[in-house]
């Protein structure tokens, strides 16, 4: 038996297990940066089960742990697919040969903007980041947004000031190979703003760090 046939058997086994313990998820495959969870992106319904990286289902997930294993028919999945059931949303991050399907639990929906570059030199109009000078680059993409490990003092630095929160963001690759950059702005469904401090594109999708910005 070669690797291809073995992989097919592994995914077929996942499919059988999902039929017994899984739930029906709507499967979306985004094709445009205009949105991820749209009728045009809906492929169909796929039975799936997610566990906290424990195929024996012997432990619950913990705080700050966005990674899960997905039991589903991998022959019908692709990295970047979104799986939605009720209030639960995951994206498929990795499908490495003969290894568990890696998924990310999404707790926020992000829209991304790129600040306009100011072409003038010397005295000119206000050069700060405003809604009027932001370019929309991607809208409505579920992502994992969890607290980072550090914060920074704000520029004023008063004794009673708290540190500016930092966040760790996981996101699948965007359609059309849309690139994210340092200083891009992300805004979630609650209006919270994040300024990207780093943007790393990996084979599992985007890994971002961001500082929370005032509205």
N, C-alpha and C. Protein backbone atom coordinates (compact mmCIF):
# COMPACT_ATOMS: atom_id res chain seq x y z
N UNK A 1 0.85 -1.20 0.00
CA UNK A 1 0.00 0.00 0.00
C UNK A 1 0.88 1.25 0.00
N UNK A 2 0.61 2.19 -0.91
CA UNK A 2 1.40 3.41 -0.96
C UNK A 2 0.77 4.49 -0.09
N UNK A 3 1.47 5.64 0.00
CA UNK A 3 1.02 6.72 0.87
C UNK A 3 -0.32 7.30 0.48
N UNK A 4 -0.58 7.36 -0.83
CA UNK A 4 -1.84 7.94 -1.30
C UNK A 4 -3.02 7.08 -0.84
N UNK A 5 -2.90 5.76 -1.01
CA UNK A 5 -3.98 4.87 -0.60
C UNK A 5 -4.15 4.88 0.92
N UNK A 6 -3.03 4.95 1.63
CA UNK A 6 -3.12 4.98 3.09
C UNK A 6 -3.80 6.25 3.56
N UNK A 7 -3.47 7.40 2.92
CA UNK A 7 -4.12 8.65 3.29
C UNK A 7 -5.62 8.58 3.06
N UNK A 8 -6.01 7.98 1.94
CA UNK A 8 -7.43 7.84 1.64
C UNK A 8 -8.14 7.01 2.70
N UNK A 9 -7.50 5.95 3.17
CA UNK A 9 -8.09 5.12 4.21
C UNK A 9 -8.20 5.87 5.54
N UNK A 10 -7.19 6.69 5.85
CA UNK A 10 -7.23 7.49 7.08
C UNK A 10 -8.43 8.43 7.05
N UNK A 11 -8.60 9.15 5.94
CA UNK A 11 -9.71 10.10 5.85
C UNK A 11 -11.06 9.38 5.83
N UNK A 12 -11.10 8.20 5.22
CA UNK A 12 -12.34 7.43 5.24
C UNK A 12 -12.68 7.00 6.66
N UNK A 13 -11.65 6.66 7.44
CA UNK A 13 -11.87 6.33 8.84
C UNK A 13 -12.38 7.52 9.63
N UNK A 14 -11.82 8.71 9.36
CA UNK A 14 -12.32 9.92 10.02
C UNK A 14 -13.79 10.13 9.69
N UNK A 15 -14.16 9.89 8.43
CA UNK A 15 -15.54 10.10 8.01
C UNK A 15 -16.49 9.17 8.77
N UNK A 16 -16.08 7.91 8.95
CA UNK A 16 -16.92 6.96 9.67
C UNK A 16 -17.07 7.35 11.14
N UNK A 17 -15.97 7.80 11.74
CA UNK A 17 -16.04 8.24 13.14
C UNK A 17 -16.93 9.46 13.29
N UNK A 18 -16.83 10.40 12.34
CA UNK A 18 -17.64 11.62 12.41
C UNK A 18 -19.13 11.29 12.31
N UNK A 19 -19.48 10.29 11.51
CA UNK A 19 -20.89 9.91 11.39
C UNK A 19 -21.47 9.46 12.72
N UNK A 20 -20.63 8.92 13.59
CA UNK A 20 -21.10 8.39 14.86
C UNK A 20 -21.11 9.43 15.98
N UNK A 21 -20.17 10.36 15.94
CA UNK A 21 -20.06 11.30 17.07
C UNK A 21 -20.13 12.76 16.65
N UNK A 22 -20.21 13.02 15.36
CA UNK A 22 -20.11 14.39 14.87
C UNK A 22 -21.45 15.12 14.78
N UNK A 23 -21.35 16.37 14.38
CA UNK A 23 -22.50 17.24 14.17
C UNK A 23 -22.44 17.79 12.75
N UNK A 24 -23.59 18.20 12.19
CA UNK A 24 -23.57 18.76 10.84
C UNK A 24 -23.03 20.20 10.84
N UNK A 25 -21.99 20.42 10.08
CA UNK A 25 -21.40 21.74 9.94
C UNK A 25 -21.61 22.24 8.51
N UNK A 26 -21.88 23.52 8.39
CA UNK A 26 -21.89 24.14 7.07
C UNK A 26 -20.44 24.41 6.67
N UNK A 27 -20.10 24.01 5.46
CA UNK A 27 -18.73 24.12 4.97
C UNK A 27 -18.64 25.26 3.95
N UNK A 28 -17.79 26.23 4.24
CA UNK A 28 -17.60 27.39 3.36
C UNK A 28 -16.17 27.39 2.82
N UNK A 29 -16.04 27.74 1.56
CA UNK A 29 -14.72 27.88 0.93
C UNK A 29 -14.67 29.26 0.27
N UNK A 30 -14.10 30.26 0.95
CA UNK A 30 -14.11 31.63 0.42
C UNK A 30 -13.36 31.74 -0.91
N UNK A 31 -13.93 32.51 -1.80
CA UNK A 31 -13.31 32.75 -3.10
C UNK A 31 -13.03 34.23 -3.34
N UNK A 32 -13.42 35.07 -2.39
CA UNK A 32 -13.27 36.51 -2.55
C UNK A 32 -12.98 37.14 -1.20
N UNK A 33 -12.24 38.24 -1.21
CA UNK A 33 -11.99 38.99 0.02
C UNK A 33 -13.21 39.79 0.46
N UNK A 34 -14.31 39.69 -0.29
CA UNK A 34 -15.54 40.39 0.07
C UNK A 34 -16.28 39.71 1.22
N UNK A 35 -15.80 38.55 1.67
CA UNK A 35 -16.43 37.89 2.80
C UNK A 35 -16.18 36.40 2.77
N UNK A 36 -16.19 35.79 3.96
CA UNK A 36 -15.93 34.36 4.05
C UNK A 36 -17.20 33.54 4.18
N UNK A 37 -18.09 33.96 5.08
CA UNK A 37 -19.31 33.18 5.34
C UNK A 37 -20.44 33.78 4.52
N UNK A 38 -20.42 33.48 3.24
CA UNK A 38 -21.40 34.01 2.30
C UNK A 38 -22.09 32.86 1.57
N UNK A 39 -23.33 33.05 1.10
CA UNK A 39 -24.00 31.98 0.36
C UNK A 39 -23.19 31.48 -0.83
N UNK A 40 -22.47 32.38 -1.50
CA UNK A 40 -21.69 31.96 -2.67
C UNK A 40 -20.52 31.07 -2.29
N UNK A 41 -20.09 31.12 -1.02
CA UNK A 41 -18.96 30.31 -0.57
C UNK A 41 -19.39 28.98 0.04
N UNK A 42 -20.69 28.79 0.22
CA UNK A 42 -21.19 27.58 0.86
C UNK A 42 -21.06 26.39 -0.08
N UNK A 43 -20.35 25.36 0.37
CA UNK A 43 -20.19 24.14 -0.42
C UNK A 43 -21.29 23.15 -0.10
N UNK A 44 -21.61 23.02 1.18
CA UNK A 44 -22.62 22.07 1.60
C UNK A 44 -22.51 21.81 3.08
N UNK A 45 -23.06 20.69 3.51
CA UNK A 45 -23.03 20.29 4.91
C UNK A 45 -22.13 19.07 5.06
N UNK A 46 -21.27 19.11 6.07
CA UNK A 46 -20.33 18.02 6.31
C UNK A 46 -20.37 17.68 7.80
N UNK A 47 -20.52 16.41 8.10
CA UNK A 47 -20.53 15.98 9.50
C UNK A 47 -19.10 15.98 10.02
N UNK A 48 -18.90 16.60 11.18
CA UNK A 48 -17.55 16.74 11.73
C UNK A 48 -17.60 16.76 13.25
N UNK A 49 -16.48 16.41 13.85
CA UNK A 49 -16.31 16.50 15.30
C UNK A 49 -14.95 17.10 15.57
N UNK A 50 -14.88 17.96 16.59
CA UNK A 50 -13.63 18.63 16.93
C UNK A 50 -13.24 18.26 18.36
N UNK A 51 -11.95 18.01 18.57
CA UNK A 51 -11.47 17.68 19.91
C UNK A 51 -10.23 18.51 20.22
N UNK A 52 -9.93 18.61 21.51
CA UNK A 52 -8.84 19.48 21.98
C UNK A 52 -7.48 18.80 21.79
N UNK A 53 -7.18 18.46 20.52
CA UNK A 53 -5.93 17.79 20.15
C UNK A 53 -5.75 16.50 20.96
N UNK A 54 -6.85 15.78 21.10
CA UNK A 54 -6.84 14.53 21.86
C UNK A 54 -7.86 13.60 21.22
N UNK A 55 -7.38 12.68 20.38
CA UNK A 55 -8.27 11.79 19.66
C UNK A 55 -9.02 10.82 20.58
N UNK A 56 -8.59 10.71 21.83
CA UNK A 56 -9.31 9.86 22.79
C UNK A 56 -10.46 10.62 23.47
N UNK A 57 -10.58 11.90 23.19
CA UNK A 57 -11.64 12.74 23.77
C UNK A 57 -11.64 12.63 25.29
N UNK A 58 -10.43 12.70 25.87
CA UNK A 58 -10.31 12.54 27.31
C UNK A 58 -10.09 13.86 28.05
N UNK A 59 -9.97 14.97 27.31
CA UNK A 59 -9.74 16.24 27.98
C UNK A 59 -10.51 17.35 27.29
N UNK A 60 -10.83 18.35 28.07
CA UNK A 60 -11.49 19.54 27.54
C UNK A 60 -10.44 20.56 27.11
N UNK A 61 -10.88 21.51 26.32
CA UNK A 61 -9.96 22.56 25.91
C UNK A 61 -9.73 23.53 27.08
N UNK A 62 -8.63 24.29 27.00
CA UNK A 62 -8.26 25.22 28.07
C UNK A 62 -8.20 26.64 27.51
N UNK A 63 -8.07 27.62 28.42
CA UNK A 63 -7.93 29.01 28.00
C UNK A 63 -6.71 29.17 27.09
N UNK A 64 -6.86 30.04 26.09
CA UNK A 64 -5.73 30.41 25.26
C UNK A 64 -5.25 29.33 24.33
N UNK A 65 -6.08 28.32 24.04
CA UNK A 65 -5.69 27.22 23.17
C UNK A 65 -6.61 27.19 21.95
N UNK A 66 -6.20 27.79 20.83
CA UNK A 66 -7.10 27.87 19.68
C UNK A 66 -7.06 26.65 18.76
N UNK A 67 -6.10 25.74 18.95
CA UNK A 67 -5.91 24.64 18.01
C UNK A 67 -6.72 23.41 18.41
N UNK A 68 -7.37 22.81 17.43
CA UNK A 68 -8.19 21.62 17.62
C UNK A 68 -7.87 20.62 16.52
N UNK A 69 -8.22 19.35 16.76
CA UNK A 69 -8.20 18.34 15.72
C UNK A 69 -9.62 18.18 15.18
N UNK A 70 -9.70 17.98 13.89
CA UNK A 70 -11.00 17.82 13.22
C UNK A 70 -11.15 16.39 12.72
N UNK A 71 -12.24 15.76 13.12
CA UNK A 71 -12.62 14.46 12.56
C UNK A 71 -13.71 14.70 11.53
N UNK A 72 -13.37 14.52 10.27
CA UNK A 72 -14.31 14.69 9.17
C UNK A 72 -13.69 14.02 7.94
N UNK A 73 -14.47 13.88 6.92
CA UNK A 73 -13.97 13.29 5.69
C UNK A 73 -13.00 14.26 5.02
N UNK A 74 -11.70 14.05 5.24
CA UNK A 74 -10.70 14.96 4.70
C UNK A 74 -10.66 15.00 3.19
N UNK A 75 -11.26 14.01 2.54
CA UNK A 75 -11.29 14.02 1.08
C UNK A 75 -12.16 15.15 0.55
N UNK A 76 -13.00 15.71 1.42
CA UNK A 76 -13.90 16.79 1.03
C UNK A 76 -13.47 18.15 1.58
N UNK A 77 -12.35 18.17 2.29
CA UNK A 77 -11.87 19.40 2.92
C UNK A 77 -10.66 19.96 2.20
N UNK A 78 -10.42 21.24 2.46
CA UNK A 78 -9.24 21.91 1.94
C UNK A 78 -8.79 22.94 2.97
N UNK A 79 -7.48 23.16 3.13
CA UNK A 79 -7.02 24.21 4.05
C UNK A 79 -7.66 25.55 3.70
N UNK A 80 -8.12 26.25 4.72
CA UNK A 80 -8.80 27.52 4.52
C UNK A 80 -10.31 27.42 4.56
N UNK A 81 -10.84 26.19 4.50
CA UNK A 81 -12.29 26.02 4.62
C UNK A 81 -12.75 26.45 6.02
N UNK A 82 -13.94 27.02 6.07
CA UNK A 82 -14.58 27.34 7.35
C UNK A 82 -15.68 26.32 7.62
N UNK A 83 -15.78 25.90 8.88
CA UNK A 83 -16.81 24.97 9.32
C UNK A 83 -17.66 25.67 10.39
N UNK A 84 -18.96 25.74 10.17
CA UNK A 84 -19.85 26.52 11.04
C UNK A 84 -21.01 25.65 11.51
N UNK A 85 -21.19 25.63 12.83
CA UNK A 85 -22.36 24.96 13.43
C UNK A 85 -22.83 25.83 14.59
N UNK A 86 -23.98 26.44 14.45
CA UNK A 86 -24.48 27.33 15.50
C UNK A 86 -23.49 28.45 15.76
N UNK A 87 -23.09 28.59 17.03
CA UNK A 87 -22.15 29.64 17.40
C UNK A 87 -20.69 29.22 17.25
N UNK A 88 -20.45 28.00 16.81
CA UNK A 88 -19.07 27.49 16.68
C UNK A 88 -18.58 27.65 15.25
N UNK A 89 -17.41 28.25 15.11
CA UNK A 89 -16.78 28.43 13.80
C UNK A 89 -15.32 28.03 13.89
N UNK A 90 -14.88 27.20 12.96
CA UNK A 90 -13.48 26.80 12.86
C UNK A 90 -13.01 27.03 11.44
N UNK A 91 -11.69 27.21 11.27
CA UNK A 91 -11.14 27.10 9.93
C UNK A 91 -10.11 25.98 9.90
N UNK A 92 -10.01 25.33 8.75
CA UNK A 92 -9.07 24.23 8.57
C UNK A 92 -7.70 24.84 8.29
N UNK A 93 -6.75 24.59 9.19
CA UNK A 93 -5.43 25.21 9.07
C UNK A 93 -4.44 24.31 8.36
N UNK A 94 -4.44 23.01 8.68
CA UNK A 94 -3.43 22.13 8.11
C UNK A 94 -3.98 20.74 7.85
N UNK A 95 -3.52 20.15 6.74
CA UNK A 95 -3.87 18.78 6.38
C UNK A 95 -2.59 18.07 5.95
N UNK A 96 -1.72 17.86 6.91
CA UNK A 96 -0.43 17.25 6.64
C UNK A 96 -0.59 15.75 6.47
N UNK A 97 0.18 15.14 5.57
CA UNK A 97 -0.01 13.72 5.25
C UNK A 97 0.01 12.82 6.48
N UNK A 98 -1.03 12.00 6.60
CA UNK A 98 -1.15 10.96 7.62
C UNK A 98 -1.23 11.50 9.05
N UNK A 99 -1.38 12.80 9.20
CA UNK A 99 -1.48 13.42 10.52
C UNK A 99 -2.90 13.96 10.72
N UNK A 100 -3.29 14.21 11.97
CA UNK A 100 -4.64 14.75 12.21
C UNK A 100 -4.88 16.07 11.47
N UNK A 101 -6.12 16.30 11.11
CA UNK A 101 -6.50 17.56 10.47
C UNK A 101 -6.51 18.65 11.54
N UNK A 102 -5.74 19.70 11.30
CA UNK A 102 -5.59 20.78 12.29
C UNK A 102 -6.58 21.89 11.99
N UNK A 103 -7.32 22.31 13.01
CA UNK A 103 -8.31 23.38 12.86
C UNK A 103 -8.08 24.44 13.92
N UNK A 104 -8.60 25.63 13.66
CA UNK A 104 -8.48 26.76 14.57
C UNK A 104 -9.88 27.24 14.95
N UNK A 105 -10.10 27.37 16.24
CA UNK A 105 -11.37 27.87 16.77
C UNK A 105 -11.41 29.39 16.61
N UNK A 106 -12.44 29.90 15.98
CA UNK A 106 -12.55 31.34 15.70
C UNK A 106 -13.49 31.99 16.72
N UNK A 107 -13.02 33.07 17.32
CA UNK A 107 -13.85 33.78 18.30
C UNK A 107 -14.16 35.22 17.90
N UNK A 108 -13.62 35.66 16.77
CA UNK A 108 -13.87 37.02 16.28
C UNK A 108 -14.03 36.99 14.76
N UNK A 109 -14.67 38.04 14.24
CA UNK A 109 -14.79 38.23 12.80
C UNK A 109 -14.09 39.54 12.47
N UNK A 110 -13.10 39.48 11.60
CA UNK A 110 -12.25 40.64 11.34
C UNK A 110 -12.44 41.20 9.94
N UNK A 111 -12.34 42.51 9.85
CA UNK A 111 -12.27 43.23 8.58
C UNK A 111 -10.95 44.00 8.58
N UNK A 112 -10.25 43.95 7.45
CA UNK A 112 -8.91 44.52 7.36
C UNK A 112 -8.88 45.76 6.46
N UNK A 113 -8.12 46.74 6.92
CA UNK A 113 -7.93 47.98 6.17
C UNK A 113 -6.44 48.28 6.06
N UNK A 114 -6.08 49.01 5.01
CA UNK A 114 -4.70 49.45 4.83
C UNK A 114 -4.67 50.98 4.88
N UNK A 115 -3.92 51.55 5.82
CA UNK A 115 -3.83 53.01 5.88
C UNK A 115 -3.27 53.58 4.58
N UNK A 116 -3.82 54.69 4.16
CA UNK A 116 -3.37 55.34 2.94
C UNK A 116 -2.00 55.95 3.14
N UNK A 117 -1.12 55.72 2.18
CA UNK A 117 0.20 56.33 2.23
C UNK A 117 0.10 57.81 1.84
N UNK A 118 0.74 58.66 2.62
CA UNK A 118 0.69 60.09 2.36
C UNK A 118 1.77 60.48 1.35
N UNK A 119 1.38 60.96 0.15
CA UNK A 119 2.36 61.24 -0.90
C UNK A 119 3.09 62.57 -0.73
N UNK A 120 2.57 63.45 0.08
CA UNK A 120 3.16 64.78 0.16
C UNK A 120 4.29 64.83 1.18
N UNK A 121 5.14 65.82 1.02
CA UNK A 121 6.20 66.09 1.99
C UNK A 121 6.00 67.51 2.50
N UNK A 122 6.57 67.80 3.65
CA UNK A 122 6.41 69.13 4.21
C UNK A 122 5.03 69.29 4.81
N UNK A 123 4.55 70.51 4.84
CA UNK A 123 3.25 70.80 5.44
C UNK A 123 2.15 70.31 4.51
N UNK A 124 1.26 69.53 5.06
CA UNK A 124 0.15 69.02 4.27
C UNK A 124 -1.05 68.80 5.16
N UNK A 125 -2.01 68.04 4.65
CA UNK A 125 -3.21 67.75 5.43
C UNK A 125 -2.87 66.74 6.52
N UNK A 126 -3.84 66.52 7.40
CA UNK A 126 -3.64 65.60 8.51
C UNK A 126 -3.24 64.23 7.99
N UNK A 127 -2.18 63.67 8.56
CA UNK A 127 -1.65 62.41 8.05
C UNK A 127 -1.94 61.21 8.91
N UNK A 128 -2.81 61.35 9.91
CA UNK A 128 -3.12 60.22 10.76
C UNK A 128 -4.06 59.24 10.08
N UNK A 129 -4.30 58.12 10.77
CA UNK A 129 -5.17 57.08 10.23
C UNK A 129 -6.62 57.39 10.59
N UNK A 130 -7.44 57.60 9.59
CA UNK A 130 -8.86 57.86 9.80
C UNK A 130 -9.66 56.95 8.88
N UNK A 131 -10.98 56.89 9.14
CA UNK A 131 -11.84 56.05 8.31
C UNK A 131 -11.81 56.49 6.85
N UNK A 132 -11.59 57.78 6.64
CA UNK A 132 -11.62 58.31 5.28
C UNK A 132 -10.37 57.94 4.48
N UNK A 133 -9.25 57.68 5.15
CA UNK A 133 -8.05 57.38 4.38
C UNK A 133 -7.59 55.93 4.53
N UNK A 134 -8.53 55.04 4.88
CA UNK A 134 -8.24 53.62 4.95
C UNK A 134 -8.77 52.91 3.70
N UNK A 135 -8.00 51.97 3.18
CA UNK A 135 -8.42 51.17 2.04
C UNK A 135 -8.88 49.80 2.54
N UNK A 136 -10.11 49.42 2.22
CA UNK A 136 -10.64 48.12 2.61
C UNK A 136 -9.94 47.04 1.80
N UNK A 137 -9.38 46.02 2.48
CA UNK A 137 -8.69 44.95 1.75
C UNK A 137 -9.35 43.58 1.94
N UNK A 138 -10.06 43.37 3.03
CA UNK A 138 -10.76 42.09 3.24
C UNK A 138 -11.80 42.30 4.33
N UNK A 139 -12.97 41.73 4.13
CA UNK A 139 -14.05 41.96 5.08
C UNK A 139 -14.69 40.65 5.53
N UNK A 140 -15.01 40.58 6.83
CA UNK A 140 -15.81 39.48 7.35
C UNK A 140 -15.13 38.13 7.38
N UNK A 141 -13.90 38.05 7.91
CA UNK A 141 -13.20 36.77 8.00
C UNK A 141 -13.07 36.34 9.46
N UNK A 142 -13.72 35.24 9.85
CA UNK A 142 -13.54 34.72 11.21
C UNK A 142 -12.08 34.39 11.48
N UNK A 143 -11.65 34.63 12.71
CA UNK A 143 -10.25 34.42 13.10
C UNK A 143 -10.19 34.14 14.59
N UNK A 144 -9.05 33.61 15.01
CA UNK A 144 -8.77 33.48 16.44
C UNK A 144 -8.04 34.72 16.90
N UNK A 145 -8.58 35.40 17.90
CA UNK A 145 -7.95 36.59 18.47
C UNK A 145 -7.86 36.37 19.98
N UNK A 146 -6.66 36.08 20.46
CA UNK A 146 -6.45 35.78 21.87
C UNK A 146 -5.38 36.69 22.44
N UNK A 147 -5.41 36.88 23.75
CA UNK A 147 -4.45 37.75 24.40
C UNK A 147 -3.02 37.27 24.15
N UNK A 148 -2.15 38.25 23.85
CA UNK A 148 -0.74 37.94 23.70
C UNK A 148 -0.05 37.89 25.05
N UNK A 149 1.25 37.82 25.02
CA UNK A 149 2.02 37.63 26.26
C UNK A 149 2.59 38.92 26.80
N UNK A 150 2.31 40.04 26.14
CA UNK A 150 2.92 41.27 26.62
C UNK A 150 2.00 42.45 26.33
N UNK A 151 2.37 43.58 26.86
CA UNK A 151 1.73 44.84 26.56
C UNK A 151 2.78 45.92 26.52
N UNK A 152 2.39 47.10 26.12
CA UNK A 152 3.34 48.20 26.05
C UNK A 152 2.74 49.44 26.70
N UNK A 153 3.59 50.23 27.33
CA UNK A 153 3.16 51.51 27.87
C UNK A 153 2.75 52.42 26.73
N UNK A 154 1.71 53.24 26.98
CA UNK A 154 1.34 54.18 25.94
C UNK A 154 2.31 55.35 25.91
N UNK A 155 2.14 56.20 24.91
CA UNK A 155 3.12 57.27 24.69
C UNK A 155 3.12 58.30 25.81
N UNK A 156 1.99 58.48 26.49
CA UNK A 156 1.92 59.47 27.56
C UNK A 156 2.69 59.00 28.78
N UNK A 157 2.50 57.73 29.14
CA UNK A 157 3.29 57.13 30.21
C UNK A 157 2.99 57.66 31.60
N UNK A 158 1.73 58.01 31.89
CA UNK A 158 1.37 58.46 33.23
C UNK A 158 1.44 57.29 34.21
N UNK A 159 1.69 57.58 35.49
CA UNK A 159 1.85 56.49 36.47
C UNK A 159 0.65 55.55 36.54
N UNK A 160 -0.54 56.07 36.38
CA UNK A 160 -1.73 55.23 36.50
C UNK A 160 -2.15 54.54 35.21
N UNK A 161 -1.43 54.79 34.12
CA UNK A 161 -1.81 54.20 32.84
C UNK A 161 -1.54 52.70 32.82
N UNK A 162 -2.42 51.95 32.18
CA UNK A 162 -2.20 50.52 31.99
C UNK A 162 -1.50 50.31 30.64
N UNK A 163 -0.92 49.14 30.47
CA UNK A 163 -0.25 48.84 29.22
C UNK A 163 -1.26 48.63 28.09
N UNK A 164 -0.84 48.96 26.88
CA UNK A 164 -1.65 48.70 25.70
C UNK A 164 -1.68 47.19 25.45
N UNK A 165 -2.87 46.57 25.35
CA UNK A 165 -2.95 45.12 25.16
C UNK A 165 -2.37 44.68 23.82
N UNK A 166 -1.76 43.50 23.83
CA UNK A 166 -1.29 42.86 22.61
C UNK A 166 -2.10 41.60 22.37
N UNK A 167 -2.27 41.26 21.10
CA UNK A 167 -3.13 40.15 20.71
C UNK A 167 -2.42 39.25 19.71
N UNK A 168 -2.70 37.95 19.81
CA UNK A 168 -2.21 36.96 18.85
C UNK A 168 -3.38 36.55 17.96
N UNK A 169 -3.20 36.68 16.66
CA UNK A 169 -4.28 36.45 15.70
C UNK A 169 -3.89 35.34 14.73
N UNK A 170 -4.79 34.39 14.52
CA UNK A 170 -4.62 33.33 13.53
C UNK A 170 -5.73 33.44 12.50
N UNK A 171 -5.34 33.33 11.24
CA UNK A 171 -6.26 33.58 10.13
C UNK A 171 -5.81 32.73 8.95
N UNK A 172 -6.73 32.15 8.17
CA UNK A 172 -6.29 31.40 6.99
C UNK A 172 -5.76 32.33 5.91
N UNK A 173 -5.09 31.75 4.94
CA UNK A 173 -4.66 32.53 3.78
C UNK A 173 -5.88 33.16 3.13
N UNK A 174 -5.74 34.40 2.69
CA UNK A 174 -6.86 35.12 2.09
C UNK A 174 -6.96 34.82 0.60
N UNK A 175 -8.17 34.82 0.04
CA UNK A 175 -8.33 34.56 -1.39
C UNK A 175 -7.53 35.54 -2.24
N UNK A 176 -7.08 35.05 -3.39
CA UNK A 176 -6.31 35.89 -4.29
C UNK A 176 -4.92 36.20 -3.79
N UNK A 177 -4.46 35.44 -2.80
CA UNK A 177 -3.14 35.68 -2.19
C UNK A 177 -3.01 37.11 -1.69
N UNK A 178 -4.10 37.65 -1.18
CA UNK A 178 -4.05 38.99 -0.59
C UNK A 178 -3.07 39.00 0.57
N UNK A 179 -2.15 39.97 0.55
CA UNK A 179 -1.11 40.05 1.55
C UNK A 179 -1.48 41.02 2.67
N UNK A 180 -1.14 40.64 3.88
CA UNK A 180 -1.28 41.53 5.03
C UNK A 180 0.09 42.08 5.39
N UNK A 181 0.12 43.31 5.92
CA UNK A 181 1.38 43.98 6.19
C UNK A 181 1.36 44.59 7.59
N UNK A 182 2.56 44.85 8.08
CA UNK A 182 2.69 45.62 9.30
C UNK A 182 1.99 46.97 9.13
N UNK A 183 1.29 47.40 10.14
CA UNK A 183 0.52 48.66 10.19
C UNK A 183 -0.86 48.56 9.57
N UNK A 184 -1.20 47.42 8.94
CA UNK A 184 -2.59 47.24 8.53
C UNK A 184 -3.49 47.26 9.77
N UNK A 185 -4.74 47.61 9.56
CA UNK A 185 -5.71 47.73 10.65
C UNK A 185 -6.72 46.60 10.56
N UNK A 186 -7.01 45.96 11.68
CA UNK A 186 -8.10 44.98 11.76
C UNK A 186 -9.15 45.51 12.73
N UNK A 187 -10.40 45.37 12.36
CA UNK A 187 -11.51 45.79 13.22
C UNK A 187 -12.45 44.60 13.36
N UNK A 188 -12.79 44.25 14.61
CA UNK A 188 -13.67 43.10 14.81
C UNK A 188 -15.13 43.52 14.84
N UNK A 189 -16.00 42.54 15.03
CA UNK A 189 -17.44 42.79 14.96
C UNK A 189 -17.94 43.66 16.11
N UNK A 190 -17.12 43.82 17.14
CA UNK A 190 -17.48 44.69 18.27
C UNK A 190 -16.90 46.09 18.14
N UNK A 191 -16.20 46.36 17.05
CA UNK A 191 -15.61 47.67 16.85
C UNK A 191 -14.22 47.84 17.43
N UNK A 192 -13.67 46.80 18.02
CA UNK A 192 -12.31 46.88 18.57
C UNK A 192 -11.30 46.92 17.44
N UNK A 193 -10.31 47.81 17.57
CA UNK A 193 -9.33 48.02 16.51
C UNK A 193 -7.98 47.45 16.93
N UNK A 194 -7.32 46.84 15.95
CA UNK A 194 -5.99 46.27 16.17
C UNK A 194 -5.05 46.77 15.07
N UNK A 195 -3.85 47.18 15.47
CA UNK A 195 -2.82 47.58 14.51
C UNK A 195 -1.82 46.44 14.41
N UNK A 196 -1.61 45.91 13.21
CA UNK A 196 -0.72 44.77 13.05
C UNK A 196 0.72 45.19 13.29
N UNK A 197 1.39 44.48 14.19
CA UNK A 197 2.80 44.72 14.47
C UNK A 197 3.69 43.76 13.70
N UNK A 198 3.16 42.60 13.35
CA UNK A 198 3.89 41.64 12.52
C UNK A 198 2.89 40.80 11.77
N UNK A 199 3.28 40.33 10.59
CA UNK A 199 2.40 39.52 9.75
C UNK A 199 3.24 38.42 9.12
N UNK A 200 3.07 37.20 9.62
CA UNK A 200 3.84 36.06 9.13
C UNK A 200 2.92 35.12 8.37
N UNK A 201 3.23 34.89 7.10
CA UNK A 201 2.44 33.96 6.30
C UNK A 201 3.12 32.59 6.34
N UNK A 202 2.39 31.58 6.82
CA UNK A 202 2.94 30.24 6.96
C UNK A 202 2.10 29.27 6.14
N UNK A 203 2.51 28.00 6.12
CA UNK A 203 1.72 27.01 5.40
C UNK A 203 0.42 26.68 6.11
N UNK A 204 0.24 27.20 7.32
CA UNK A 204 -1.01 27.04 8.07
C UNK A 204 -1.90 28.28 8.01
N UNK A 205 -1.44 29.30 7.30
CA UNK A 205 -2.19 30.55 7.23
C UNK A 205 -1.40 31.70 7.84
N UNK A 206 -2.11 32.76 8.19
CA UNK A 206 -1.48 33.96 8.75
C UNK A 206 -1.36 33.85 10.26
N UNK A 207 -0.17 34.23 10.76
CA UNK A 207 0.05 34.38 12.20
C UNK A 207 0.43 35.84 12.43
N UNK A 208 -0.44 36.55 13.14
CA UNK A 208 -0.30 37.99 13.30
C UNK A 208 -0.14 38.34 14.77
N UNK A 209 0.59 39.41 15.04
CA UNK A 209 0.56 40.04 16.35
C UNK A 209 0.06 41.46 16.16
N UNK A 210 -0.70 41.95 17.12
CA UNK A 210 -1.32 43.26 16.97
C UNK A 210 -1.43 43.96 18.31
N UNK A 211 -1.33 45.27 18.26
CA UNK A 211 -1.56 46.11 19.44
C UNK A 211 -2.98 46.67 19.35
N UNK A 212 -3.67 46.68 20.46
CA UNK A 212 -5.01 47.26 20.47
C UNK A 212 -4.90 48.77 20.36
N UNK A 213 -5.74 49.34 19.51
CA UNK A 213 -5.71 50.78 19.27
C UNK A 213 -6.99 51.40 19.77
N UNK A 214 -6.91 52.68 20.13
CA UNK A 214 -8.10 53.41 20.52
C UNK A 214 -9.01 53.61 19.34
N UNK A 215 -10.30 53.71 19.59
CA UNK A 215 -11.26 53.88 18.51
C UNK A 215 -11.37 55.34 18.13
